[in-house]
Amino acid sequence: MAVNAKLLTRANFINKLMSGVFTMLPLGFRVREKIINIIREEMNAIGGAELLMPALHHRSVWDVTGRWEDLKEIMYQFKDKAGKELGLGSTHEEIIAEVAKGIINSYTDLPLYVYQIQTKFRDEPRAKSGLLRGREFTMKDLYSFHTDEISLNNFYEEAKKAYIKIFNRCGLKVYVTEASGGVFSKEYSHEFMVESSAGEDEIFLCRLCGFARNKEIADKNLKKSCPKCASGVLDKIKSIEAGNIFKLGTRFSEPTKLFYKDKEGKNKPVVMGSYGIGVERMMGTIVEIYHDDKGIIWPEAMAPYKIHLLLIGEAERELTDFADNVYRNLIKSGLEVLYDDRYGIAAGEKFFDADLIGLPYRAVVSAKTMAQGKVEIKKRNEKEVKLVKVEELLKMFNYSN
């Protein structure tokens, strides 16, 4: 079992319903929302307007591009009671092209950038590795519309920068990796790869300058020295694909008749781009990178709560009141706190659970700390334990915020 699947399940972040399909339990839901909020902020920052498209599609919209047949292996396709052929969206290029036909008429309507954060369905034959490869998952897909390739290229670079910001904010170091454009384009697309032994992909990476190329194209063009800096050597490493961006060109606008009128009044096909990030895959990737033999170690921006407050010892009224007061003060200060006040649970079990869940800070209240009017505080990824007064604790976190 993949590390992310094992730890997220044991720590009650997710519950597996069947292969590739998971329930987001309260802790997992909070992490998912943190990731989505970061993605949304960066998409809005580059001019993206959020919308939401349907997941249920009729066959005819897919037949226009020929992808109803092309995607049979991974698309859930079926008939309704009236015998109409329907599919669950594995991607949304065809749908957004249809939507854009009602919005784009003239060159004055361009460029246009829209995105959604929505459930995708793919009948993955190898649904495994926990959240890294699912059959039902959340994806942020951004689509851009342009008058020409120059406009597309400019926005493509802006999207690339925004993606790097997203991954950095989520605590992930990514390598922007050249990859095949596939059926979309003769040009390279780009994948955002995270080095990990749990990854299913292989890339060739120059650690000197950061140049990276996907195995599928590197095999044809592989050289011992880096083609970018010439000084480094390309190493083959395993990696997880955390996101990708494509220059679609007119691959979808021409068959769907998505045209705009230029300054001379002539009809021209809209030039498109597509940009995707898997939300749950990002969560799984973070756990693959940030963990130890005790459990998860969440980066602060991704943690469901910042502080794990533990009430240790017999829950006598005085001790409970002291711990409750610490909790209330932390909450009033605007801090996110998970409070473990379970009665009759041994201290060792509470410490074990705290390490497994992996919040950035553990705060302990016990009869010993109460006698000094203090709280024991420890960072999840450090061994040092400090005893601090409640007032000092509040100042420390208010400062770090």
Protein backbone atom coordinates (compact mmCIF):
# COMPACT_ATOMS: atom_id res chain seq x y z
CA MET A 1 0.00 0.00 0.00
CA ALA A 2 1.24 3.51 -0.87
CA VAL A 3 2.46 5.62 2.05
CA ASN A 4 -0.18 8.29 1.46
CA ALA A 5 -2.99 5.72 1.41
CA LYS A 6 -1.75 4.03 4.58
CA LEU A 7 -1.20 7.18 6.64
CA LEU A 8 -4.26 9.12 5.45
CA THR A 9 -6.48 6.12 6.16
CA ARG A 10 -4.97 5.31 9.58
CA ALA A 11 -5.19 8.97 10.62
CA ASN A 12 -8.83 9.21 9.49
CA PHE A 13 -8.35 11.76 6.72
CA ILE A 14 -9.92 9.50 4.09
CA ASN A 15 -12.07 6.39 3.89
CA LYS A 16 -11.81 4.04 0.92
CA LEU A 17 -15.16 3.08 -0.62
CA MET A 18 -13.66 1.07 -3.47
CA SER A 19 -10.59 1.10 -5.69
CA GLY A 20 -9.79 4.71 -6.61
CA VAL A 21 -12.80 6.18 -4.76
CA PHE A 22 -12.51 7.84 -1.35
CA THR A 23 -14.62 9.75 1.16
CA MET A 24 -12.98 12.91 2.45
CA LEU A 25 -13.43 12.71 6.21
CA PRO A 26 -13.44 15.98 8.23
CA LEU A 27 -9.64 16.21 8.52
CA GLY A 28 -9.14 15.36 4.85
CA PHE A 29 -11.85 17.79 3.81
CA ARG A 30 -10.05 20.62 5.61
CA VAL A 31 -6.76 19.83 3.84
CA ARG A 32 -8.59 19.65 0.51
CA GLU A 33 -10.12 23.08 1.16
CA LYS A 34 -6.70 24.56 2.00
CA ILE A 35 -5.34 23.32 -1.35
CA ILE A 36 -8.38 24.59 -3.25
CA ASN A 37 -8.15 28.03 -1.63
CA ILE A 38 -4.50 28.39 -2.66
CA ILE A 39 -5.29 27.29 -6.21
CA ARG A 40 -8.26 29.67 -6.40
CA GLU A 41 -6.20 32.63 -5.17
CA GLU A 42 -3.48 32.08 -7.79
CA MET A 43 -5.96 31.47 -10.63
CA ASN A 44 -7.83 34.67 -9.75
CA ALA A 45 -4.50 36.54 -9.62
CA ILE A 46 -3.84 35.83 -13.31
CA GLY A 47 -7.34 36.87 -14.37
CA GLY A 48 -9.17 33.57 -14.18
CA ALA A 49 -12.96 33.67 -13.74
CA GLU A 50 -14.41 30.68 -11.92
CA LEU A 51 -17.37 28.73 -13.29
CA LEU A 52 -18.77 25.23 -12.87
CA MET A 53 -19.58 22.90 -15.77
CA PRO A 54 -21.71 19.75 -15.62
CA ALA A 55 -20.15 16.34 -15.06
CA LEU A 56 -22.87 14.57 -17.08
CA HIS A 57 -22.46 14.93 -20.87
CA HIS A 58 -24.37 13.75 -23.91
CA ARG A 59 -22.46 11.86 -26.57
CA SER A 60 -22.96 14.36 -29.40
CA VAL A 61 -20.67 17.00 -27.85
CA TRP A 62 -17.85 14.43 -27.78
CA ASP A 63 -18.52 13.02 -31.25
CA VAL A 64 -17.70 16.41 -32.78
CA THR A 65 -14.03 15.98 -31.86
CA GLY A 66 -13.97 12.18 -32.21
CA ARG A 67 -13.09 11.67 -28.58
CA TRP A 68 -16.17 9.63 -27.66
CA GLU A 69 -14.41 6.69 -29.28
CA ASP A 70 -10.88 7.81 -28.43
CA LEU A 71 -11.58 7.91 -24.69
CA LYS A 72 -13.69 4.75 -24.42
CA GLU A 73 -11.00 3.05 -22.33
CA ILE A 74 -11.18 5.59 -19.51
CA MET A 75 -14.54 7.37 -19.90
CA TYR A 76 -17.63 6.10 -18.10
CA GLN A 77 -20.20 5.75 -20.90
CA PHE A 78 -23.77 4.48 -20.56
CA LYS A 79 -27.37 4.94 -21.68
CA ASP A 80 -30.18 6.61 -19.77
CA LYS A 81 -33.74 5.24 -19.57
CA ALA A 82 -34.60 6.90 -22.87
CA GLY A 83 -31.68 5.15 -24.58
CA LYS A 84 -29.59 8.31 -24.97
CA GLU A 85 -25.84 7.80 -24.70
CA LEU A 86 -24.22 9.76 -21.90
CA GLY A 87 -20.79 10.03 -20.34
CA LEU A 88 -19.25 11.28 -17.11
CA GLY A 89 -16.69 14.00 -17.73
CA SER A 90 -13.10 12.85 -17.68
CA THR A 91 -12.05 16.27 -18.97
CA HIS A 92 -13.92 19.35 -20.25
CA GLU A 93 -12.34 20.73 -23.43
CA GLU A 94 -15.39 19.95 -25.56
CA ILE A 95 -17.80 21.32 -22.99
CA ILE A 96 -15.96 24.61 -22.46
CA ALA A 97 -15.70 25.09 -26.24
CA GLU A 98 -19.50 24.78 -26.47
CA VAL A 99 -19.90 27.24 -23.59
CA ALA A 100 -17.46 29.70 -25.17
CA LYS A 101 -19.49 29.75 -28.42
CA GLY A 102 -22.15 31.66 -26.54
CA ILE A 103 -19.65 34.14 -25.09
CA ILE A 104 -17.02 34.79 -27.76
CA ASN A 105 -18.04 36.62 -30.93
CA SER A 106 -15.36 39.20 -31.67
CA TYR A 107 -11.65 39.74 -31.12
CA THR A 108 -12.76 42.27 -28.49
CA ASP A 109 -13.96 39.33 -26.33
CA LEU A 110 -10.45 37.90 -26.21
CA PRO A 111 -8.36 36.88 -24.38
CA LEU A 112 -10.59 35.03 -21.92
CA TYR A 113 -9.56 32.83 -19.00
CA VAL A 114 -12.03 30.61 -17.13
CA TYR A 115 -11.52 27.75 -14.68
CA GLN A 116 -13.45 25.32 -12.57
CA ILE A 117 -12.75 23.12 -9.55
CA GLN A 118 -14.88 20.08 -10.14
CA THR A 119 -15.19 16.30 -9.92
CA LYS A 120 -13.76 14.22 -12.75
CA PHE A 121 -14.40 10.54 -13.46
CA ARG A 122 -11.91 8.19 -15.14
CA ASP A 123 -12.12 4.42 -15.35
CA GLU A 124 -8.47 4.00 -14.48
CA PRO A 125 -7.32 0.42 -15.15
CA ARG A 126 -4.57 0.94 -12.54
CA ALA A 127 -6.43 2.83 -9.82
CA LYS A 128 -3.89 2.51 -7.04
CA SER A 129 -1.36 4.45 -4.96
CA GLY A 130 -4.04 6.00 -2.75
CA LEU A 131 -4.89 9.54 -3.85
CA LEU A 132 -2.25 9.57 -6.58
CA ARG A 133 -4.41 7.72 -9.09
CA GLY A 134 -8.18 7.83 -8.56
CA ARG A 135 -11.32 7.07 -10.51
CA GLU A 136 -13.27 9.95 -8.97
CA PHE A 137 -11.28 13.05 -8.07
CA THR A 138 -11.29 16.84 -7.97
CA MET A 139 -9.47 18.77 -10.65
CA LYS A 140 -8.84 22.42 -11.24
CA ASP A 141 -8.99 22.89 -14.99
CA LEU A 142 -8.31 26.30 -16.48
CA TYR A 143 -9.00 27.10 -20.14
CA SER A 144 -7.68 30.12 -22.01
CA PHE A 145 -8.98 31.57 -25.29
CA HIS A 146 -6.91 33.77 -27.60
CA THR A 147 -6.82 35.45 -30.99
CA ASP A 148 -3.42 34.01 -31.88
CA GLU A 149 -0.42 31.97 -30.78
CA ILE A 150 1.43 35.03 -29.45
CA SER A 151 -1.35 35.74 -26.97
CA LEU A 152 -1.49 32.06 -26.00
CA ASN A 153 2.27 31.86 -25.49
CA ASN A 154 2.25 34.93 -23.24
CA PHE A 155 -0.51 33.58 -21.03
CA TYR A 156 1.04 30.10 -21.04
CA GLU A 157 4.12 31.56 -19.36
CA GLU A 158 1.95 33.40 -16.82
CA ALA A 159 0.12 30.17 -16.04
CA LYS A 160 3.45 28.38 -15.63
CA LYS A 161 4.56 30.96 -13.04
CA ALA A 162 1.22 30.69 -11.23
CA TYR A 163 1.58 26.91 -11.06
CA ILE A 164 5.03 27.20 -9.53
CA LYS A 165 3.59 29.59 -6.90
CA ILE A 166 0.79 27.13 -6.09
CA PHE A 167 3.14 24.21 -5.59
CA ASN A 168 5.61 26.30 -3.58
CA ARG A 169 2.82 27.48 -1.29
CA CYS A 170 1.79 23.85 -0.81
CA GLY A 171 5.34 22.93 0.19
CA LEU A 172 6.21 21.08 -3.02
CA LYS A 173 9.36 21.56 -5.08
CA VAL A 174 8.43 20.98 -8.71
CA TYR A 175 10.47 20.57 -11.85
CA VAL A 176 8.86 22.09 -14.93
CA THR A 177 9.29 19.18 -17.31
CA GLU A 178 9.08 19.12 -21.08
CA ALA A 179 6.58 16.51 -22.30
CA SER A 180 4.85 15.51 -25.50
CA GLY A 181 1.92 17.60 -26.70
CA GLY A 182 0.17 14.31 -27.50
CA VAL A 183 -2.88 14.69 -29.73
CA PHE A 184 -3.15 18.36 -28.78
CA SER A 185 -0.07 19.95 -30.24
CA LYS A 186 3.21 19.35 -32.05
CA GLU A 187 4.85 21.57 -29.44
CA TYR A 188 5.98 20.37 -26.04
CA SER A 189 3.53 20.52 -23.18
CA HIS A 190 4.81 20.91 -19.63
CA GLU A 191 4.34 18.72 -16.58
CA PHE A 192 5.06 19.79 -13.03
CA MET A 193 6.97 16.92 -11.48
CA VAL A 194 7.76 16.22 -7.83
CA GLU A 195 10.69 13.91 -7.15
CA SER A 196 9.47 10.85 -5.22
CA SER A 197 10.18 7.14 -5.07
CA ALA A 198 6.39 6.67 -5.05
CA GLY A 199 6.06 8.23 -8.50
CA GLU A 200 4.96 6.29 -11.56
CA ASP A 201 6.71 8.65 -13.98
CA GLU A 202 10.36 8.88 -14.90
CA ILE A 203 12.06 12.09 -15.95
CA PHE A 204 15.58 13.07 -16.90
CA LEU A 205 16.72 15.92 -14.67
CA CYS A 206 19.71 18.22 -14.60
CA ARG A 207 20.27 19.04 -10.94
CA LEU A 208 22.62 21.85 -11.90
CA CYS A 209 20.11 24.06 -13.73
CA GLY A 210 16.78 22.28 -13.10
CA PHE A 211 16.09 21.38 -16.73
CA ALA A 212 13.82 18.33 -16.98
CA ARG A 213 12.39 16.23 -19.78
CA ASN A 214 9.81 13.44 -19.64
CA LYS A 215 11.05 9.94 -20.42
CA GLU A 216 8.74 9.59 -23.42
CA ILE A 217 10.56 12.33 -25.31
CA ALA A 218 13.94 12.11 -23.58
CA ASP A 219 14.44 8.58 -24.88
CA LYS A 220 14.56 9.97 -28.40
CA ASN A 221 16.76 12.94 -27.62
CA LEU A 222 18.72 11.90 -24.55
CA LYS A 223 22.26 13.20 -24.26
CA LYS A 224 24.68 12.69 -21.43
CA SER A 225 25.07 16.42 -20.91
CA CYS A 226 22.22 18.81 -20.20
CA PRO A 227 20.92 20.43 -23.43
CA LYS A 228 20.18 23.66 -21.54
CA CYS A 229 23.28 24.43 -19.49
CA ALA A 230 25.73 21.92 -21.08
CA SER A 231 27.56 21.65 -17.76
CA GLY A 232 25.17 19.35 -15.92
CA VAL A 233 24.34 15.69 -16.44
CA LEU A 234 20.83 14.32 -16.90
CA ASP A 235 19.86 11.90 -14.12
CA LYS A 236 16.86 9.59 -14.42
CA ILE A 237 14.56 9.97 -11.40
CA LYS A 238 11.11 8.78 -10.36
CA SER A 239 8.50 11.50 -9.98
CA ILE A 240 4.84 12.31 -9.39
CA GLU A 241 3.02 14.48 -11.93
CA ALA A 242 1.31 17.18 -9.85
CA GLY A 243 -0.03 19.24 -12.76
CA ASN A 244 0.21 19.87 -16.50
CA ILE A 245 -0.36 22.59 -19.09
CA PHE A 246 -1.10 22.26 -22.81
CA LYS A 247 -1.20 24.56 -25.81
CA LEU A 248 -4.32 23.23 -27.54
CA GLY A 249 -4.17 25.59 -30.50
CA THR A 250 -7.31 25.10 -32.62
CA ARG A 251 -7.65 21.35 -31.89
CA PHE A 252 -11.05 21.90 -30.23
CA SER A 253 -12.20 25.24 -31.61
CA GLU A 254 -12.24 24.18 -35.28
CA PRO A 255 -14.40 21.02 -34.96
CA THR A 256 -16.77 22.74 -32.52
CA LYS A 257 -16.93 25.84 -34.77
CA LEU A 258 -15.69 28.16 -32.05
CA PHE A 259 -14.76 31.23 -34.14
CA TYR A 260 -14.28 34.94 -33.57
CA LYS A 261 -14.45 37.88 -35.99
CA ASP A 262 -11.14 39.71 -36.44
CA LYS A 263 -10.75 43.44 -37.12
CA GLU A 264 -11.60 42.87 -40.78
CA GLY A 265 -14.74 40.94 -39.88
CA LYS A 266 -13.32 37.57 -40.97
CA ASN A 267 -14.06 34.40 -39.03
CA LYS A 268 -11.03 32.80 -37.39
CA PRO A 269 -10.75 29.83 -35.04
CA VAL A 270 -10.10 30.68 -31.40
CA VAL A 271 -6.72 29.53 -30.10
CA MET A 272 -6.95 27.63 -26.80
CA GLY A 273 -4.87 26.42 -23.86
CA SER A 274 -5.63 23.93 -21.09
CA TYR A 275 -4.13 23.81 -17.58
CA GLY A 276 -4.85 21.12 -14.95
CA ILE A 277 -4.08 20.33 -11.30
CA GLY A 278 -5.43 17.33 -9.38
CA VAL A 279 -6.46 18.38 -5.86
CA GLU A 280 -6.46 14.99 -4.13
CA ARG A 281 -3.32 13.99 -5.99
CA MET A 282 -1.64 17.06 -4.51
CA MET A 283 -2.75 15.96 -1.04
CA GLY A 284 -1.34 12.48 -1.62
CA THR A 285 1.91 13.91 -2.98
CA ILE A 286 2.38 16.12 0.07
CA VAL A 287 2.05 13.08 2.36
CA GLU A 288 4.50 11.08 0.24
CA ILE A 289 7.06 13.87 0.72
CA TYR A 290 6.28 14.91 4.30
CA HIS A 291 6.16 11.94 6.67
CA ASP A 292 8.32 9.89 9.02
CA ASP A 293 7.96 6.53 10.74
CA LYS A 294 5.42 8.02 13.17
CA GLY A 295 3.04 9.59 10.69
CA ILE A 296 2.35 12.68 8.58
CA ILE A 297 4.22 15.99 8.95
CA TRP A 298 1.94 18.61 7.39
CA PRO A 299 3.42 21.84 6.01
CA GLU A 300 1.71 24.66 7.90
CA ALA A 301 -0.20 25.96 4.88
CA MET A 302 -1.76 22.55 4.30
CA ALA A 303 -2.43 21.37 7.84
CA PRO A 304 -6.11 20.92 8.73
CA TYR A 305 -5.37 22.62 12.06
CA LYS A 306 -2.27 24.44 13.27
CA ILE A 307 -2.23 23.15 16.86
CA HIS A 308 -3.10 19.77 18.36
CA LEU A 309 -4.06 20.45 22.00
CA LEU A 310 -3.87 17.38 24.23
CA LEU A 311 -5.45 17.06 27.67
CA ILE A 312 -3.30 14.49 29.49
CA GLY A 313 -4.17 12.77 32.77
CA GLU A 314 -7.34 12.19 34.73
CA ALA A 315 -9.88 14.74 33.66
CA GLU A 316 -10.44 16.39 37.05
CA ARG A 317 -12.55 19.51 37.01
CA GLU A 318 -9.69 21.92 37.73
CA LEU A 319 -7.50 20.41 35.01
CA THR A 320 -10.36 20.29 32.51
CA ASP A 321 -11.23 23.93 33.21
CA PHE A 322 -7.59 24.95 32.71
CA ALA A 323 -7.34 23.06 29.41
CA ASP A 324 -10.70 24.40 28.22
CA ASN A 325 -9.52 27.92 28.98
CA VAL A 326 -6.32 27.37 26.95
CA TYR A 327 -8.47 26.11 24.06
CA ARG A 328 -10.84 29.08 24.22
CA ASN A 329 -7.96 31.57 24.27
CA LEU A 330 -6.29 29.94 21.28
CA ILE A 331 -9.56 29.99 19.34
CA LYS A 332 -10.21 33.63 20.26
CA SER A 333 -6.77 34.45 18.85
CA GLY A 334 -7.91 33.09 15.50
CA LEU A 335 -5.86 29.89 15.64
CA GLU A 336 -7.06 26.58 14.23
CA VAL A 337 -7.00 24.05 17.08
CA LEU A 338 -7.82 20.34 17.24
CA TYR A 339 -8.65 19.60 20.88
CA ASP A 340 -8.14 16.05 22.16
CA ASP A 341 -10.03 16.01 25.45
CA ARG A 342 -11.01 12.33 25.28
CA TYR A 343 -11.55 10.83 28.70
CA GLY A 344 -9.96 7.52 29.69
CA ILE A 345 -7.41 7.48 26.86
CA ALA A 346 -3.79 6.86 27.90
CA ALA A 347 -1.22 9.59 27.34
CA GLY A 348 0.81 7.34 25.06
CA GLU A 349 -2.16 6.78 22.78
CA LYS A 350 -2.87 10.50 22.52
CA PHE A 351 0.79 11.20 21.68
CA PHE A 352 0.72 8.39 19.11
CA ASP A 353 -2.39 9.83 17.45
CA ALA A 354 -0.94 13.35 17.45
CA ASP A 355 2.21 12.17 15.64
CA LEU A 356 0.12 10.18 13.17
CA ILE A 357 -2.17 13.11 12.31
CA GLY A 358 0.89 15.36 12.05
CA LEU A 359 -0.28 18.88 12.84
CA PRO A 360 2.53 21.48 12.91
CA TYR A 361 2.39 22.01 16.70
CA ARG A 362 1.47 19.83 19.69
CA ALA A 363 0.39 21.59 22.87
CA VAL A 364 0.02 19.50 26.06
CA VAL A 365 -1.87 20.38 29.21
CA SER A 366 -1.39 18.12 32.25
CA ALA A 367 -1.51 18.38 36.03
CA LYS A 368 2.24 19.04 35.95
CA THR A 369 2.02 21.91 33.46
CA MET A 370 -1.09 23.34 35.15
CA ALA A 371 0.75 23.56 38.47
CA GLN A 372 3.14 25.99 36.78
CA GLY A 373 0.40 27.76 34.84
CA LYS A 374 2.07 26.60 31.64
CA VAL A 375 1.57 24.54 28.48
CA GLU A 376 4.07 22.14 26.91
CA ILE A 377 4.64 23.02 23.25
CA LYS A 378 6.51 21.07 20.58
CA LYS A 379 6.85 21.27 16.80
CA ARG A 380 5.94 18.08 14.98
CA ASN A 381 9.22 17.96 13.08
CA GLU A 382 11.43 18.87 16.06
CA LYS A 383 12.42 17.10 19.29
CA GLU A 384 12.72 20.17 21.52
CA VAL A 385 9.89 20.62 24.05
CA LYS A 386 9.20 23.99 25.70
CA LEU A 387 7.14 24.96 28.72
CA VAL A 388 5.49 28.34 28.20
CA LYS A 389 2.83 30.37 29.91
CA VAL A 390 -0.49 30.66 28.10
CA GLU A 391 0.13 34.37 27.43
CA GLU A 392 3.51 33.56 25.87
CA LEU A 393 1.92 30.81 23.80
CA LEU A 394 -0.62 33.23 22.38
CA LYS A 395 2.08 35.80 21.60
CA MET A 396 4.20 33.14 19.91
CA PHE A 397 1.43 32.08 17.56
CA ASN A 398 0.15 35.57 16.91
CA TYR A 399 3.69 36.52 15.92
CA SER A 400 4.04 33.46 13.63
CA ASN A 401 0.74 34.28 11.98
